[in-house]
Structure formats: structure tokens, C-alpha cells
N, C-alpha and C. Protein backbone atom coordinates (compact mmCIF):
# COMPACT_ATOMS: atom_id res chain seq x y z
N MET A 1 -28.66 1.20 -4.16
CA MET A 1 -27.99 0.46 -4.00
C MET A 1 -27.22 0.04 -3.34
N GLY A 2 -27.51 -0.77 -2.94
CA GLY A 2 -26.75 -1.47 -1.70
C GLY A 2 -25.82 -3.22 -1.90
N CYS A 3 -25.15 -3.03 -1.06
CA CYS A 3 -24.45 -4.65 -0.62
C CYS A 3 -24.17 -4.47 1.35
N THR A 4 -25.13 -5.32 1.71
CA THR A 4 -24.80 -6.43 2.55
C THR A 4 -24.05 -6.47 2.39
N LEU A 5 -23.13 -6.25 4.10
CA LEU A 5 -21.86 -7.68 4.02
C LEU A 5 -21.80 -8.00 5.50
N THR A 6 -20.71 -9.12 5.74
CA THR A 6 -21.41 -9.36 7.22
C THR A 6 -19.92 -8.77 7.88
N ASP A 7 -19.60 -8.34 9.12
CA ASP A 7 -17.83 -8.36 9.58
C ASP A 7 -17.29 -8.75 9.11
N GLU A 8 -16.78 -9.90 8.79
CA GLU A 8 -16.50 -10.58 8.31
C GLU A 8 -16.07 -10.74 7.19
N GLU A 9 -17.22 -10.83 6.18
CA GLU A 9 -16.44 -10.26 4.89
C GLU A 9 -16.13 -9.27 4.54
N PHE A 10 -16.47 -8.38 5.32
CA PHE A 10 -15.89 -7.19 5.03
C PHE A 10 -14.37 -7.25 5.13
N GLY A 11 -14.25 -7.66 6.38
CA GLY A 11 -13.08 -7.90 7.07
C GLY A 11 -11.84 -8.40 5.99
N GLN A 12 -12.02 -9.26 5.35
CA GLN A 12 -11.35 -9.62 4.38
C GLN A 12 -11.73 -9.32 2.94
N GLY A 13 -11.88 -8.04 3.10
CA GLY A 13 -12.40 -7.38 1.57
C GLY A 13 -10.74 -6.50 1.30
N PRO A 14 -10.32 -6.42 0.46
CA PRO A 14 -8.74 -5.88 -0.15
C PRO A 14 -9.04 -3.72 1.27
N ASP A 15 -7.32 -4.31 1.09
CA ASP A 15 -7.05 -2.67 1.73
C ASP A 15 -6.90 -1.62 0.99
N VAL A 16 -8.40 -1.14 0.23
CA VAL A 16 -8.18 0.22 -0.33
C VAL A 16 -7.71 1.50 -0.39
N LEU A 17 -7.53 1.63 1.67
CA LEU A 17 -6.80 3.01 1.13
C LEU A 17 -5.64 2.70 1.01
N ALA A 18 -4.66 1.45 2.13
CA ALA A 18 -3.40 1.56 2.25
C ALA A 18 -3.12 1.60 0.07
N ASN A 19 -3.83 0.45 -0.14
CA ASN A 19 -3.25 0.44 -2.09
C ASN A 19 -3.67 1.59 -3.00
N LEU A 20 -4.07 2.20 -2.71
CA LEU A 20 -4.26 4.12 -3.08
C LEU A 20 -3.24 4.98 -2.43
N TYR A 21 -2.77 4.68 -1.16
CA TYR A 21 -1.26 5.44 -0.74
C TYR A 21 0.02 4.47 -1.38
N ALA A 22 -0.53 3.42 -1.61
CA ALA A 22 1.07 2.78 -3.34
C ALA A 22 1.15 3.23 -3.84
N LEU A 23 -0.35 3.21 -4.60
CA LEU A 23 -0.15 4.31 -6.03
C LEU A 23 0.11 5.91 -5.75
N ALA A 24 -0.02 6.36 -4.29
CA ALA A 24 0.63 7.50 -5.37
C ALA A 24 1.55 7.93 -4.72
N VAL A 25 2.55 6.92 -3.66
CA VAL A 25 3.66 6.96 -3.01
C VAL A 25 4.75 6.30 -4.90
N GLU A 26 4.26 6.07 -5.28
CA GLU A 26 4.91 4.60 -6.43
C GLU A 26 4.81 5.57 -7.40
N LYS A 27 3.60 6.01 -7.36
CA LYS A 27 3.76 7.99 -8.86
C LYS A 27 4.70 8.60 -8.47
N VAL A 28 4.52 9.46 -7.15
CA VAL A 28 5.99 10.41 -6.64
C VAL A 28 7.60 9.85 -6.65
N LEU A 29 7.42 8.68 -6.34
CA LEU A 29 8.99 8.17 -6.47
C LEU A 29 9.75 8.19 -7.98
N VAL A 30 8.85 7.71 -8.76
CA VAL A 30 8.71 7.46 -10.16
C VAL A 30 8.55 9.27 -11.01
N GLN A 31 7.91 10.15 -10.70
CA GLN A 31 8.71 10.97 -11.01
C GLN A 31 9.47 12.03 -10.36
N GLY A 32 10.16 11.71 -9.53
CA GLY A 32 11.02 11.89 -8.71
C GLY A 32 11.33 12.93 -7.68
N LEU A 33 10.03 13.04 -6.94
CA LEU A 33 9.31 14.55 -6.22
C LEU A 33 9.81 13.70 -5.10
N LEU A 34 10.25 12.87 -4.42
CA LEU A 34 10.74 12.29 -3.26
C LEU A 34 11.59 11.13 -3.04
N PRO A 35 12.59 11.65 -2.10
CA PRO A 35 13.91 10.57 -2.37
C PRO A 35 13.65 9.04 -1.93
N PRO A 36 14.00 8.37 -3.06
CA PRO A 36 13.55 6.49 -2.00
C PRO A 36 13.69 6.10 -0.38
N PRO A 37 12.40 5.96 0.59
CA PRO A 37 12.56 6.09 1.41
C PRO A 37 13.40 5.00 1.64
N ASP A 38 14.29 5.10 2.99
CA ASP A 38 15.60 4.80 3.71
C ASP A 38 15.68 3.14 4.28
N PRO A 39 16.15 2.75 4.17
CA PRO A 39 15.71 0.71 4.48
C PRO A 39 15.39 0.97 6.18
N VAL A 40 14.72 -0.34 6.55
CA VAL A 40 13.90 -0.13 7.91
C VAL A 40 15.25 -1.23 8.32
N ARG A 41 15.38 -0.75 9.44
CA ARG A 41 16.34 -1.71 10.22
C ARG A 41 16.06 -3.29 10.40
N GLY A 42 16.58 -4.00 9.77
CA GLY A 42 15.95 -5.77 10.39
C GLY A 42 15.64 -6.23 8.95
N GLN A 43 15.22 -5.43 8.10
CA GLN A 43 14.69 -5.83 6.66
C GLN A 43 16.26 -6.14 5.29
N ALA A 44 15.87 -6.98 4.89
CA ALA A 44 16.92 -7.67 3.98
C ALA A 44 16.69 -6.54 2.99
N ALA A 45 17.34 -6.16 2.18
CA ALA A 45 17.15 -5.80 0.90
C ALA A 45 16.88 -6.23 0.11
N PRO A 46 15.23 -5.96 -1.05
CA PRO A 46 14.85 -6.74 -2.08
C PRO A 46 16.22 -7.64 -3.35
N GLY A 47 15.83 -9.37 -3.19
CA GLY A 47 16.27 -9.83 -3.73
C GLY A 47 17.87 -10.20 -3.31
N ARG A 48 17.37 -9.88 -2.44
CA ARG A 48 18.95 -10.90 -1.02
C ARG A 48 18.14 -12.41 -0.26
């Protein structure tokens, strides 16, 4: 069973690996296993 995608269609799909990493980081932060990430210089804080 398969699905044929063109390069363009494939490129428009979601970045599944990035989504998995984001979910893993969120889970670890919620459990308190890691400190929150340091702010990146030049980025505004959320809500500002």
C-alpha cells in the first residue's frame, strides 16, 4: 500500500519530525525534568 507524491506535494506536508520533537520537549518541560529554555537574543517575550 502506498501513495505517490510529487516533490512539491511532499514539501508542502507537515514537518512530522519537528512536531515530534516539539511534543517531546513540551512533555519534558511539563514534568519539570528540564529548566525552561533561555530566551533568544532579539526575540520578544510571548505576550509582548
